[in-house]
Amino acid sequence: MLNFRYHPEIAKLGAAHLVTPDLEKSLWFFRDILGLHVTARTENKVYLRAGMELEHHSLVLEAGDRARLDHVTWRVRRPEDLEGFHDILKDGGTEVTVEAANKEDGIGESLRFQAPSGHNYRLYYDVDKPTVDEADRSVLLNQPYRSWHHGIGVRRIDHVNLWTTRDPAENHKWMSDMLGFKMREYVTTPEGTIGGWMSVTPLVHDVAIMKAGPNETTPARMHHVAFWLDNAADVLRACDILFEAGIEADQGPGRHGISQATFLYVRDPGSGHRVEIFSNGYLIFDPDWQPVEWGMDNIKTALCMWGPTDYVPHTNDHVMNTTTEA
């Protein structure tokens, strides 16, 4: 009989918690234009989820003095995995705070900690799954909200792309050793690895961790949060909806070589936070998948197979500097 050692696991990306200086304008964008649904609201926070999502929220908008990413949440696979990750993180030298269940955001007991990249994470298992009003409910038993209910109608959160001034390779190793993420694709230059796409699911990436420029005012920030649509035609439809709303696309539409996904970038006019509208892409089911390396000779194809020819990471663009507190 084989003796298998127990390993805690992260099941999926939960939510991005964004701070915005104009809460009402950001709410208009994410609710009326992207098509998210409000599940709860307080004086200074709004909780939203997409049409296929059952959990309490996949996005939090909080009023604040400047745009920044507060933290990212991840759901663990089993209740006991919280204790497992607590021990692994503590043993690895990471300071961990245990938080009691929060009735406001619907999340049960959780762990908060900071990654070496400077980004703040939160792990949870228990979470509320609010019911849907009859007028909004789908006839399909396998999704909560009616299809194309309003706006672009994004289906679910897909991934977050995080930038750090600290060594990305060290952060990739930490994400693998501490949290069980697998490297799927990465980009190298003569200076070393500048970006890695990692996942705990069959997606090519639940998170990407990239190298930021040396002149950043914070060691950690968010490049974008991505929401998924069914196919490339839906991304083109999103272009029309954005144009009719008076919102100009930031980049795209185009296709990434990494992930093979169709993409469109747009900014929330209330905060400047960048959102990627994301579709297609491939899934990974091979247990022996080997990470795909891209180099300087094919970095353009990696980032943009076709579409906007000037699509490159603008590491010193202060407008993109949606920061997260270290």
C-alpha atoms as a PDB file:
ATOM      1  CA  MET A   1       0.000   0.000   0.000  1.00  0.00           C
ATOM      2  CA  LEU A   2       1.425   3.357  -1.058  1.00  0.00           C
ATOM      3  CA  ASN A   3       1.610   6.027   1.645  1.00  0.00           C
ATOM      4  CA  PHE A   4       0.472   9.298   0.056  1.00  0.00           C
ATOM      5  CA  ARG A   5       1.354  12.504   1.874  1.00  0.00           C
ATOM      6  CA  TYR A   6      -1.489  14.996   2.239  1.00  0.00           C
ATOM      7  CA  HIS A   7      -1.023  18.243   0.329  1.00  0.00           C
ATOM      8  CA  PRO A   8      -3.442  21.182   0.603  1.00  0.00           C
ATOM      9  CA  GLU A   9      -4.674  22.548  -2.727  1.00  0.00           C
ATOM     10  CA  ILE A  10      -6.049  25.777  -4.153  1.00  0.00           C
ATOM     11  CA  ALA A  11      -9.119  25.048  -6.275  1.00  0.00           C
ATOM     12  CA  LYS A  12      -9.651  28.307  -8.143  1.00  0.00           C
ATOM     13  CA  LEU A  13      -9.343  32.065  -8.335  1.00  0.00           C
ATOM     14  CA  GLY A  14     -11.968  33.701  -6.148  1.00  0.00           C
ATOM     15  CA  ALA A  15     -12.022  37.458  -6.612  1.00  0.00           C
ATOM     16  CA  ALA A  16     -10.115  40.684  -7.153  1.00  0.00           C
ATOM     17  CA  HIS A  17     -10.673  43.449  -4.598  1.00  0.00           C
ATOM     18  CA  LEU A  18     -10.184  46.822  -6.298  1.00  0.00           C
ATOM     19  CA  VAL A  19     -10.136  50.292  -4.768  1.00  0.00           C
ATOM     20  CA  THR A  20     -11.487  53.118  -6.931  1.00  0.00           C
ATOM     21  CA  PRO A  21     -11.587  56.909  -6.455  1.00  0.00           C
ATOM     22  CA  ASP A  22     -14.989  57.087  -8.224  1.00  0.00           C
ATOM     23  CA  LEU A  23     -17.138  54.231  -6.954  1.00  0.00           C
ATOM     24  CA  GLU A  24     -20.292  55.146  -8.870  1.00  0.00           C
ATOM     25  CA  LYS A  25     -18.544  55.456 -12.227  1.00  0.00           C
ATOM     26  CA  SER A  26     -16.695  52.185 -11.643  1.00  0.00           C
ATOM     27  CA  LEU A  27     -19.960  50.493 -10.678  1.00  0.00           C
ATOM     28  CA  TRP A  28     -21.565  51.772 -13.884  1.00  0.00           C
ATOM     29  CA  PHE A  29     -18.722  50.299 -15.923  1.00  0.00           C
ATOM     30  CA  PHE A  30     -18.560  46.888 -14.266  1.00  0.00           C
ATOM     31  CA  ARG A  31     -22.324  46.463 -13.834  1.00  0.00           C
ATOM     32  CA  ASP A  32     -23.915  48.163 -16.838  1.00  0.00           C
ATOM     33  CA  ILE A  33     -21.172  47.790 -19.429  1.00  0.00           C
ATOM     34  CA  LEU A  34     -19.327  44.578 -18.519  1.00  0.00           C
ATOM     35  CA  GLY A  35     -22.569  43.031 -17.284  1.00  0.00           C
ATOM     36  CA  LEU A  36     -21.697  41.937 -13.753  1.00  0.00           C
ATOM     37  CA  HIS A  37     -24.445  41.514 -11.163  1.00  0.00           C
ATOM     38  CA  VAL A  38     -24.531  43.215  -7.753  1.00  0.00           C
ATOM     39  CA  THR A  39     -24.933  40.725  -4.919  1.00  0.00           C
ATOM     40  CA  ALA A  40     -24.372  43.075  -1.957  1.00  0.00           C
ATOM     41  CA  ARG A  41     -23.616  46.717  -1.224  1.00  0.00           C
ATOM     42  CA  THR A  42     -22.500  48.762   1.759  1.00  0.00           C
ATOM     43  CA  GLU A  43     -21.782  52.467   2.098  1.00  0.00           C
ATOM     44  CA  ASN A  44     -18.339  52.156   0.493  1.00  0.00           C
ATOM     45  CA  LYS A  45     -18.197  48.695  -1.107  1.00  0.00           C
ATOM     46  CA  VAL A  46     -20.012  46.843  -3.879  1.00  0.00           C
ATOM     47  CA  TYR A  47     -19.802  43.071  -4.410  1.00  0.00           C
ATOM     48  CA  LEU A  48     -20.384  41.716  -7.920  1.00  0.00           C
ATOM     49  CA  ARG A  49     -20.318  38.427  -9.801  1.00  0.00           C
ATOM     50  CA  ALA A  50     -20.648  37.312 -13.427  1.00  0.00           C
ATOM     51  CA  GLY A  51     -23.519  35.475 -15.056  1.00  0.00           C
ATOM     52  CA  MET A  52     -22.230  31.920 -14.573  1.00  0.00           C
ATOM     53  CA  GLU A  53     -20.813  32.394 -11.083  1.00  0.00           C
ATOM     54  CA  LEU A  54     -22.415  30.918  -7.968  1.00  0.00           C
ATOM     55  CA  GLU A  55     -20.158  32.332  -5.262  1.00  0.00           C
ATOM     56  CA  HIS A  56     -20.942  35.576  -3.456  1.00  0.00           C
ATOM     57  CA  HIS A  57     -18.658  37.685  -5.652  1.00  0.00           C
ATOM     58  CA  SER A  58     -15.709  37.664  -8.024  1.00  0.00           C
ATOM     59  CA  LEU A  59     -15.110  41.420  -7.824  1.00  0.00           C
ATOM     60  CA  VAL A  60     -15.164  43.936  -4.999  1.00  0.00           C
ATOM     61  CA  LEU A  61     -15.221  47.683  -5.661  1.00  0.00           C
ATOM     62  CA  GLU A  62     -14.266  49.819  -2.694  1.00  0.00           C
ATOM     63  CA  ALA A  63     -14.234  53.618  -2.514  1.00  0.00           C
ATOM     64  CA  GLY A  64     -10.787  55.072  -1.842  1.00  0.00           C
ATOM     65  CA  ASP A  65      -8.521  58.001  -2.542  1.00  0.00           C
ATOM     66  CA  ARG A  66      -6.664  56.306  -5.416  1.00  0.00           C
ATOM     67  CA  ALA A  67      -6.897  53.283  -7.676  1.00  0.00           C
ATOM     68  CA  ARG A  68      -5.157  50.207  -6.326  1.00  0.00           C
ATOM     69  CA  LEU A  69      -5.487  46.462  -5.927  1.00  0.00           C
ATOM     70  CA  ASP A  70      -6.201  45.636  -2.295  1.00  0.00           C
ATOM     71  CA  HIS A  71      -5.917  41.847  -2.513  1.00  0.00           C
ATOM     72  CA  VAL A  72      -6.723  38.704  -4.495  1.00  0.00           C
ATOM     73  CA  THR A  73      -8.704  35.801  -3.039  1.00  0.00           C
ATOM     74  CA  TRP A  74      -8.296  32.091  -3.776  1.00  0.00           C
ATOM     75  CA  ARG A  75     -10.639  29.266  -2.787  1.00  0.00           C
ATOM     76  CA  VAL A  76      -9.047  26.110  -1.401  1.00  0.00           C
ATOM     77  CA  ARG A  77     -10.282  22.659  -2.384  1.00  0.00           C
ATOM     78  CA  ARG A  78     -11.231  21.325   1.078  1.00  0.00           C
ATOM     79  CA  PRO A  79     -12.013  22.947   4.434  1.00  0.00           C
ATOM     80  CA  GLU A  80      -8.963  21.335   6.033  1.00  0.00           C
ATOM     81  CA  ASP A  81      -6.724  22.903   3.374  1.00  0.00           C
ATOM     82  CA  LEU A  82      -6.838  26.203   5.256  1.00  0.00           C
ATOM     83  CA  GLU A  83      -4.999  24.631   8.160  1.00  0.00           C
ATOM     84  CA  GLY A  84      -2.628  22.895   5.762  1.00  0.00           C
ATOM     85  CA  PHE A  85      -1.693  26.132   4.008  1.00  0.00           C
ATOM     86  CA  HIS A  86      -1.414  27.927   7.336  1.00  0.00           C
ATOM     87  CA  ASP A  87       1.263  25.453   8.431  1.00  0.00           C
ATOM     88  CA  ILE A  88       3.116  25.504   5.094  1.00  0.00           C
ATOM     89  CA  LEU A  89       3.189  29.291   4.928  1.00  0.00           C
ATOM     90  CA  LYS A  90       4.238  29.716   8.572  1.00  0.00           C
ATOM     91  CA  ASP A  91       6.941  27.069   8.252  1.00  0.00           C
ATOM     92  CA  GLY A  92       8.173  28.878   5.125  1.00  0.00           C
ATOM     93  CA  GLY A  93       8.547  32.162   6.989  1.00  0.00           C
ATOM     94  CA  THR A  94       5.398  33.921   5.750  1.00  0.00           C
ATOM     95  CA  GLU A  95       3.379  35.902   8.279  1.00  0.00           C
ATOM     96  CA  VAL A  96      -0.247  34.687   8.222  1.00  0.00           C
ATOM     97  CA  THR A  97      -3.320  36.310   9.768  1.00  0.00           C
ATOM     98  CA  VAL A  98      -6.367  34.150  10.504  1.00  0.00           C
ATOM     99  CA  GLU A  99      -9.630  36.043  10.027  1.00  0.00           C
ATOM    100  CA  ALA A 100     -13.039  35.065  11.338  1.00  0.00           C
ATOM    101  CA  ALA A 101     -15.996  34.606   8.976  1.00  0.00           C
ATOM    102  CA  ASN A 102     -17.145  37.875   7.404  1.00  0.00           C
ATOM    103  CA  LYS A 103     -20.912  38.263   6.990  1.00  0.00           C
ATOM    104  CA  GLU A 104     -20.477  41.284   4.731  1.00  0.00           C
ATOM    105  CA  ASP A 105     -18.541  39.541   1.959  1.00  0.00           C
ATOM    106  CA  GLY A 106     -19.994  36.071   2.514  1.00  0.00           C
ATOM    107  CA  ILE A 107     -16.608  34.438   3.119  1.00  0.00           C
ATOM    108  CA  GLY A 108     -15.989  32.103   6.035  1.00  0.00           C
ATOM    109  CA  GLU A 109     -12.791  31.846   8.024  1.00  0.00           C
ATOM    110  CA  SER A 110      -9.852  32.908   5.879  1.00  0.00           C
ATOM    111  CA  LEU A 111      -6.085  33.361   5.810  1.00  0.00           C
ATOM    112  CA  ARG A 112      -4.424  36.628   4.796  1.00  0.00           C
ATOM    113  CA  PHE A 113      -0.757  36.962   3.868  1.00  0.00           C
ATOM    114  CA  GLN A 114       1.599  38.735   1.509  1.00  0.00           C
ATOM    115  CA  ALA A 115       3.554  37.051  -1.283  1.00  0.00           C
ATOM    116  CA  PRO A 116       7.238  37.955  -1.872  1.00  0.00           C
ATOM    117  CA  SER A 117       6.046  39.949  -4.898  1.00  0.00           C
ATOM    118  CA  GLY A 118       4.326  42.349  -2.481  1.00  0.00           C
ATOM    119  CA  HIS A 119       0.796  41.316  -3.463  1.00  0.00           C
ATOM    120  CA  ASN A 120      -1.758  40.532  -0.776  1.00  0.00           C
ATOM    121  CA  TYR A 121      -3.639  37.217  -0.912  1.00  0.00           C
ATOM    122  CA  ARG A 122      -6.520  35.668   0.978  1.00  0.00           C
ATOM    123  CA  LEU A 123      -7.460  31.983   1.123  1.00  0.00           C
ATOM    124  CA  TYR A 124     -10.931  30.685   2.024  1.00  0.00           C
ATOM    125  CA  TYR A 125     -13.191  27.664   1.631  1.00  0.00           C
ATOM    126  CA  ASP A 126     -16.639  28.494   3.022  1.00  0.00           C
ATOM    127  CA  VAL A 127     -18.527  31.083   0.975  1.00  0.00           C
ATOM    128  CA  ASP A 128     -22.150  32.171   0.549  1.00  0.00           C
ATOM    129  CA  LYS A 129     -23.909  31.475  -2.751  1.00  0.00           C
ATOM    130  CA  PRO A 130     -26.754  34.013  -2.959  1.00  0.00           C
ATOM    131  CA  THR A 131     -29.993  33.119  -4.700  1.00  0.00           C
ATOM    132  CA  VAL A 132     -31.075  34.990  -7.835  1.00  0.00           C
ATOM    133  CA  ASP A 133     -34.308  36.958  -8.111  1.00  0.00           C
ATOM    134  CA  GLU A 134     -36.924  35.299 -10.315  1.00  0.00           C
ATOM    135  CA  ALA A 135     -36.800  38.128 -12.861  1.00  0.00           C
ATOM    136  CA  ASP A 136     -33.062  37.610 -13.362  1.00  0.00           C
ATOM    137  CA  ARG A 137     -32.922  33.818 -13.162  1.00  0.00           C
ATOM    138  CA  SER A 138     -31.970  31.668 -16.131  1.00  0.00           C
ATOM    139  CA  VAL A 139     -34.196  28.850 -17.377  1.00  0.00           C
ATOM    140  CA  LEU A 140     -30.992  26.795 -17.460  1.00  0.00           C
ATOM    141  CA  LEU A 141     -30.485  24.879 -14.246  1.00  0.00           C
ATOM    142  CA  ASN A 142     -26.697  25.057 -14.595  1.00  0.00           C
ATOM    143  CA  GLN A 143     -26.284  28.851 -14.509  1.00  0.00           C
ATOM    144  CA  PRO A 144     -27.838  31.440 -12.170  1.00  0.00           C
ATOM    145  CA  TYR A 145     -28.484  34.461 -14.430  1.00  0.00           C
ATOM    146  CA  ARG A 146     -30.248  34.809 -17.771  1.00  0.00           C
ATOM    147  CA  SER A 147     -27.907  34.845 -20.760  1.00  0.00           C
ATOM    148  CA  TRP A 148     -27.091  38.285 -22.200  1.00  0.00           C
ATOM    149  CA  HIS A 149     -28.911  39.830 -19.286  1.00  0.00           C
ATOM    150  CA  HIS A 150     -27.273  43.230 -19.761  1.00  0.00           C
ATOM    151  CA  GLY A 151     -24.131  44.783 -21.155  1.00  0.00           C
ATOM    152  CA  ILE A 152     -21.308  42.646 -22.528  1.00  0.00           C
ATOM    153  CA  GLY A 153     -22.409  39.762 -20.336  1.00  0.00           C
ATOM    154  CA  VAL A 154     -19.050  38.385 -19.179  1.00  0.00           C
ATOM    155  CA  ARG A 155     -19.396  34.808 -17.973  1.00  0.00           C
ATOM    156  CA  ARG A 156     -16.815  34.425 -15.197  1.00  0.00           C
ATOM    157  CA  ILE A 157     -13.571  35.791 -13.837  1.00  0.00           C
ATOM    158  CA  ASP A 158     -10.634  34.181 -15.619  1.00  0.00           C
ATOM    159  CA  HIS A 159      -7.307  35.401 -14.216  1.00  0.00           C
ATOM    160  CA  VAL A 160      -5.276  38.239 -12.751  1.00  0.00           C
ATOM    161  CA  ASN A 161      -2.028  39.611 -14.165  1.00  0.00           C
ATOM    162  CA  LEU A 162       0.291  40.987 -11.473  1.00  0.00           C
ATOM    163  CA  TRP A 163       3.509  42.973 -11.888  1.00  0.00           C
ATOM    164  CA  THR A 164       6.372  43.249  -9.415  1.00  0.00           C
ATOM    165  CA  THR A 165       9.728  45.030  -9.226  1.00  0.00           C
ATOM    166  CA  ARG A 166      11.079  41.987  -7.400  1.00  0.00           C
ATOM    167  CA  ASP A 167      12.549  38.976  -9.202  1.00  0.00           C
ATOM    168  CA  PRO A 168       9.646  37.231 -10.990  1.00  0.00           C
ATOM    169  CA  ALA A 169      11.471  33.872 -11.022  1.00  0.00           C
ATOM    170  CA  GLU A 170      11.753  33.873  -7.236  1.00  0.00           C
ATOM    171  CA  ASN A 171       8.045  34.662  -6.980  1.00  0.00           C
ATOM    172  CA  HIS A 172       7.177  31.899  -9.454  1.00  0.00           C
ATOM    173  CA  LYS A 173       9.116  29.420  -7.305  1.00  0.00           C
ATOM    174  CA  TRP A 174       7.367  30.678  -4.158  1.00  0.00           C
ATOM    175  CA  MET A 175       3.945  30.316  -5.788  1.00  0.00           C
ATOM    176  CA  SER A 176       4.847  26.750  -6.734  1.00  0.00           C
ATOM    177  CA  ASP A 177       6.456  25.717  -3.440  1.00  0.00           C
ATOM    178  CA  MET A 178       4.007  27.400  -1.084  1.00  0.00           C
ATOM    179  CA  LEU A 179       0.690  27.379  -2.966  1.00  0.00           C
ATOM    180  CA  GLY A 180       1.015  24.586  -5.530  1.00  0.00           C
ATOM    181  CA  PHE A 181       0.817  26.627  -8.739  1.00  0.00           C
ATOM    182  CA  LYS A 182       2.200  25.062 -11.922  1.00  0.00           C
ATOM    183  CA  MET A 183       4.190  26.985 -14.502  1.00  0.00           C
ATOM    184  CA  ARG A 184       2.502  26.738 -17.913  1.00  0.00           C
ATOM    185  CA  GLU A 185       4.339  29.262 -20.133  1.00  0.00           C
ATOM    186  CA  TYR A 186       7.097  31.784 -19.480  1.00  0.00           C
ATOM    187  CA  VAL A 187       9.199  34.444 -21.209  1.00  0.00           C
ATOM    188  CA  THR A 188      12.956  34.772 -20.831  1.00  0.00           C
ATOM    189  CA  THR A 189      15.424  37.475 -21.873  1.00  0.00           C
ATOM    190  CA  PRO A 190      19.198  37.742 -21.430  1.00  0.00           C
ATOM    191  CA  GLU A 191      18.414  39.278 -18.010  1.00  0.00           C
ATOM    192  CA  GLY A 192      16.369  36.244 -16.948  1.00  0.00           C
ATOM    193  CA  THR A 193      12.702  35.326 -16.693  1.00  0.00           C
ATOM    194  CA  ILE A 194      10.467  38.380 -17.081  1.00  0.00           C
ATOM    195  CA  GLY A 195       7.067  36.708 -16.833  1.00  0.00           C
ATOM    196  CA  GLY A 196       5.348  33.444 -15.986  1.00  0.00           C
ATOM    197  CA  TRP A 197       1.810  32.187 -16.549  1.00  0.00           C
ATOM    198  CA  MET A 198       0.762  29.814 -13.751  1.00  0.00           C
ATOM    199  CA  SER A 199      -2.346  27.876 -12.796  1.00  0.00           C
ATOM    200  CA  VAL A 200      -3.914  25.427 -10.366  1.00  0.00           C
ATOM    201  CA  THR A 201      -6.716  24.615 -12.812  1.00  0.00           C
ATOM    202  CA  PRO A 202      -6.630  23.381 -16.454  1.00  0.00           C
ATOM    203  CA  LEU A 203      -6.512  27.033 -17.554  1.00  0.00           C
ATOM    204  CA  VAL A 204      -3.218  28.218 -19.015  1.00  0.00           C
ATOM    205  CA  HIS A 205      -3.095  30.750 -16.209  1.00  0.00           C
ATOM    206  CA  ASP A 206      -5.068  31.688 -13.151  1.00  0.00           C
ATOM    207  CA  VAL A 207      -2.345  34.230 -12.441  1.00  0.00           C
ATOM    208  CA  ALA A 208       0.516  35.773 -14.390  1.00  0.00           C
ATOM    209  CA  ILE A 209       3.429  37.359 -12.517  1.00  0.00           C
ATOM    210  CA  MET A 210       5.511  39.778 -14.592  1.00  0.00           C
ATOM    211  CA  LYS A 211       8.576  41.981 -14.202  1.00  0.00           C
ATOM    212  CA  ALA A 212       7.764  45.661 -13.689  1.00  0.00           C
ATOM    213  CA  GLY A 213      10.080  48.560 -14.450  1.00  0.00           C
ATOM    214  CA  PRO A 214      12.636  49.777 -11.896  1.00  0.00           C
ATOM    215  CA  ASN A 215      10.994  53.184 -11.442  1.00  0.00           C
ATOM    216  CA  GLU A 216       7.721  51.966  -9.918  1.00  0.00           C
ATOM    217  CA  THR A 217       6.556  53.710  -6.741  1.00  0.00           C
ATOM    218  CA  THR A 218       5.422  50.377  -5.291  1.00  0.00           C
ATOM    219  CA  PRO A 219       6.962  46.900  -5.560  1.00  0.00           C
ATOM    220  CA  ALA A 220       3.638  45.384  -6.554  1.00  0.00           C
ATOM    221  CA  ARG A 221       0.730  46.322  -8.754  1.00  0.00           C
ATOM    222  CA  MET A 222      -1.960  44.882 -10.981  1.00  0.00           C
ATOM    223  CA  HIS A 223      -1.731  45.005 -14.756  1.00  0.00           C
ATOM    224  CA  HIS A 224      -5.253  43.650 -15.313  1.00  0.00           C
ATOM    225  CA  VAL A 225      -8.091  41.448 -14.170  1.00  0.00           C
ATOM    226  CA  ALA A 226      -9.637  39.284 -16.896  1.00  0.00           C
ATOM    227  CA  PHE A 227     -13.235  38.174 -17.462  1.00  0.00           C
ATOM    228  CA  TRP A 228     -14.118  35.377 -19.859  1.00  0.00           C
ATOM    229  CA  LEU A 229     -16.546  35.209 -22.782  1.00  0.00           C
ATOM    230  CA  ASP A 230     -17.592  32.125 -24.738  1.00  0.00           C
ATOM    231  CA  ASN A 231     -15.895  32.882 -28.060  1.00  0.00           C
ATOM    232  CA  ALA A 232     -14.072  35.430 -30.225  1.00  0.00           C
ATOM    233  CA  ALA A 233     -17.317  36.710 -31.746  1.00  0.00           C
ATOM    234  CA  ASP A 234     -18.421  37.759 -28.258  1.00  0.00           C
ATOM    235  CA  VAL A 235     -15.225  39.807 -27.909  1.00  0.00           C
ATOM    236  CA  LEU A 236     -16.051  41.621 -31.164  1.00  0.00           C
ATOM    237  CA  ARG A 237     -19.589  42.216 -29.886  1.00  0.00           C
ATOM    238  CA  ALA A 238     -18.016  43.715 -26.758  1.00  0.00           C
ATOM    239  CA  CYS A 239     -16.152  46.201 -28.967  1.00  0.00           C
ATOM    240  CA  ASP A 240     -19.483  47.493 -30.304  1.00  0.00           C
ATOM    241  CA  ILE A 241     -20.997  47.796 -26.827  1.00  0.00           C
ATOM    242  CA  LEU A 242     -17.973  49.691 -25.542  1.00  0.00           C
ATOM    243  CA  PHE A 243     -18.005  52.057 -28.532  1.00  0.00           C
ATOM    244  CA  GLU A 244     -21.722  52.774 -28.061  1.00  0.00           C
ATOM    245  CA  ALA A 245     -20.991  53.582 -24.401  1.00  0.00           C
ATOM    246  CA  GLY A 246     -18.266  56.036 -25.379  1.00  0.00           C
ATOM    247  CA  ILE A 247     -15.436  53.876 -24.016  1.00  0.00           C
ATOM    248  CA  GLU A 248     -12.336  53.479 -26.173  1.00  0.00           C
ATOM    249  CA  ALA A 249     -10.501  50.159 -26.076  1.00  0.00           C
ATOM    250  CA  ASP A 250      -7.035  50.286 -24.539  1.00  0.00           C
ATOM    251  CA  GLN A 251      -5.579  47.517 -26.735  1.00  0.00           C
ATOM    252  CA  GLY A 252      -7.067  45.033 -29.182  1.00  0.00           C
ATOM    253  CA  PRO A 253      -8.857  43.084 -30.252  1.00  0.00           C
ATOM    254  CA  GLY A 254      -6.019  40.672 -30.936  1.00  0.00           C
ATOM    255  CA  ARG A 255      -4.729  37.211 -30.166  1.00  0.00           C
ATOM    256  CA  HIS A 256      -2.044  36.205 -27.695  1.00  0.00           C
ATOM    257  CA  GLY A 257       0.483  33.545 -28.651  1.00  0.00           C
ATOM    258  CA  ILE A 258       0.720  32.642 -24.987  1.00  0.00           C
ATOM    259  CA  SER A 259      -2.648  31.028 -24.114  1.00  0.00           C
ATOM    260  CA  GLN A 260      -3.817  31.398 -27.772  1.00  0.00           C
ATOM    261  CA  ALA A 261      -6.614  33.593 -26.441  1.00  0.00           C
ATOM    262  CA  THR A 262      -8.541  36.373 -28.150  1.00  0.00           C
ATOM    263  CA  PHE A 263      -8.197  39.532 -26.067  1.00  0.00           C
ATOM    264  CA  LEU A 264      -9.427  43.079 -25.675  1.00  0.00           C
ATOM    265  CA  TYR A 265      -8.150  45.499 -23.039  1.00  0.00           C
ATOM    266  CA  VAL A 266     -10.252  48.342 -21.689  1.00  0.00           C
ATOM    267  CA  ARG A 267     -10.011  50.646 -18.673  1.00  0.00           C
ATOM    268  CA  ASP A 268     -12.601  51.329 -16.032  1.00  0.00           C
ATOM    269  CA  PRO A 269     -13.269  55.082 -16.470  1.00  0.00           C
ATOM    270  CA  GLY A 270     -13.845  55.454 -12.743  1.00  0.00           C
ATOM    271  CA  SER A 271     -10.437  54.208 -11.682  1.00  0.00           C
ATOM    272  CA  GLY A 272      -8.165  53.471 -14.620  1.00  0.00           C
ATOM    273  CA  HIS A 273      -7.999  49.798 -13.640  1.00  0.00           C
ATOM    274  CA  ARG A 274      -7.363  47.722 -16.747  1.00  0.00           C
ATOM    275  CA  VAL A 275      -9.766  44.884 -17.593  1.00  0.00           C
ATOM    276  CA  GLU A 276      -9.100  42.173 -20.154  1.00  0.00           C
ATOM    277  CA  ILE A 277     -12.066  40.710 -22.013  1.00  0.00           C
ATOM    278  CA  PHE A 278     -10.775  37.233 -22.759  1.00  0.00           C
ATOM    279  CA  SER A 279     -11.930  34.245 -24.803  1.00  0.00           C
ATOM    280  CA  ASN A 280     -10.874  30.999 -26.438  1.00  0.00           C
ATOM    281  CA  GLY A 281      -7.461  29.804 -25.277  1.00  0.00           C
ATOM    282  CA  TYR A 282      -6.563  26.205 -24.606  1.00  0.00           C
ATOM    283  CA  LEU A 283      -6.881  23.927 -21.587  1.00  0.00           C
ATOM    284  CA  ILE A 284      -4.201  21.714 -20.069  1.00  0.00           C
ATOM    285  CA  PHE A 285      -5.089  18.201 -18.934  1.00  0.00           C
ATOM    286  CA  ASP A 286      -1.685  16.509 -19.299  1.00  0.00           C
ATOM    287  CA  PRO A 287      -0.256  15.624 -15.866  1.00  0.00           C
ATOM    288  CA  ASP A 288       3.266  15.761 -17.334  1.00  0.00           C
ATOM    289  CA  TRP A 289       2.884  19.137 -19.050  1.00  0.00           C
ATOM    290  CA  GLN A 290       6.232  20.819 -19.638  1.00  0.00           C
ATOM    291  CA  PRO A 291       6.351  24.629 -19.348  1.00  0.00           C
ATOM    292  CA  VAL A 292       6.631  26.396 -22.692  1.00  0.00           C
ATOM    293  CA  GLU A 293       9.531  28.851 -22.983  1.00  0.00           C
ATOM    294  CA  TRP A 294       9.371  31.953 -25.180  1.00  0.00           C
ATOM    295  CA  GLY A 295      12.496  34.023 -25.893  1.00  0.00           C
ATOM    296  CA  MET A 296      13.512  37.302 -27.460  1.00  0.00           C
ATOM    297  CA  ASP A 297      13.230  35.862 -30.976  1.00  0.00           C
ATOM    298  CA  ASN A 298       9.492  35.202 -30.573  1.00  0.00           C
ATOM    299  CA  ILE A 299       8.373  37.521 -27.768  1.00  0.00           C
ATOM    300  CA  LYS A 300       6.183  39.529 -30.161  1.00  0.00           C
ATOM    301  CA  THR A 301       4.269  36.380 -31.128  1.00  0.00           C
ATOM    302  CA  ALA A 302       4.048  35.388 -27.477  1.00  0.00           C
ATOM    303  CA  LEU A 303       2.389  38.639 -26.453  1.00  0.00           C
ATOM    304  CA  CYS A 304       0.432  39.378 -29.630  1.00  0.00           C
ATOM    305  CA  MET A 305       0.170  36.829 -32.427  1.00  0.00           C
ATOM    306  CA  TRP A 306      -1.982  39.280 -34.360  1.00  0.00           C
ATOM    307  CA  GLY A 307      -3.787  42.518 -33.626  1.00  0.00           C
ATOM    308  CA  PRO A 308      -2.294  45.805 -32.425  1.00  0.00           C
ATOM    309  CA  THR A 309       1.281  45.845 -33.664  1.00  0.00           C
ATOM    310  CA  ASP A 310       2.473  48.082 -30.829  1.00  0.00           C
ATOM    311  CA  TYR A 311       1.322  45.710 -28.100  1.00  0.00           C
ATOM    312  CA  VAL A 312       4.208  45.439 -25.640  1.00  0.00           C
ATOM    313  CA  PRO A 313       4.320  45.779 -21.841  1.00  0.00           C
ATOM    314  CA  HIS A 314       4.660  49.505 -21.037  1.00  0.00           C
ATOM    315  CA  THR A 315       6.366  49.140 -17.677  1.00  0.00           C
ATOM    316  CA  ASN A 316       6.871  52.860 -17.125  1.00  0.00           C
ATOM    317  CA  ASP A 317       3.388  54.003 -18.112  1.00  0.00           C
ATOM    318  CA  HIS A 318       2.191  55.757 -14.960  1.00  0.00           C
ATOM    319  CA  VAL A 319      -1.415  55.580 -16.125  1.00  0.00           C
ATOM    320  CA  MET A 320      -1.232  51.799 -15.743  1.00  0.00           C
ATOM    321  CA  ASN A 321       0.118  52.126 -12.241  1.00  0.00           C
ATOM    322  CA  THR A 322      -2.806  50.699 -10.294  1.00  0.00           C
ATOM    323  CA  THR A 323      -0.916  49.953  -7.137  1.00  0.00           C
ATOM    324  CA  THR A 324      -1.281  47.556  -4.284  1.00  0.00           C
ATOM    325  CA  GLU A 325      -0.079  48.425  -0.811  1.00  0.00           C
ATOM    326  CA  ALA A 326       2.837  46.328   0.369  1.00  0.00           C
END
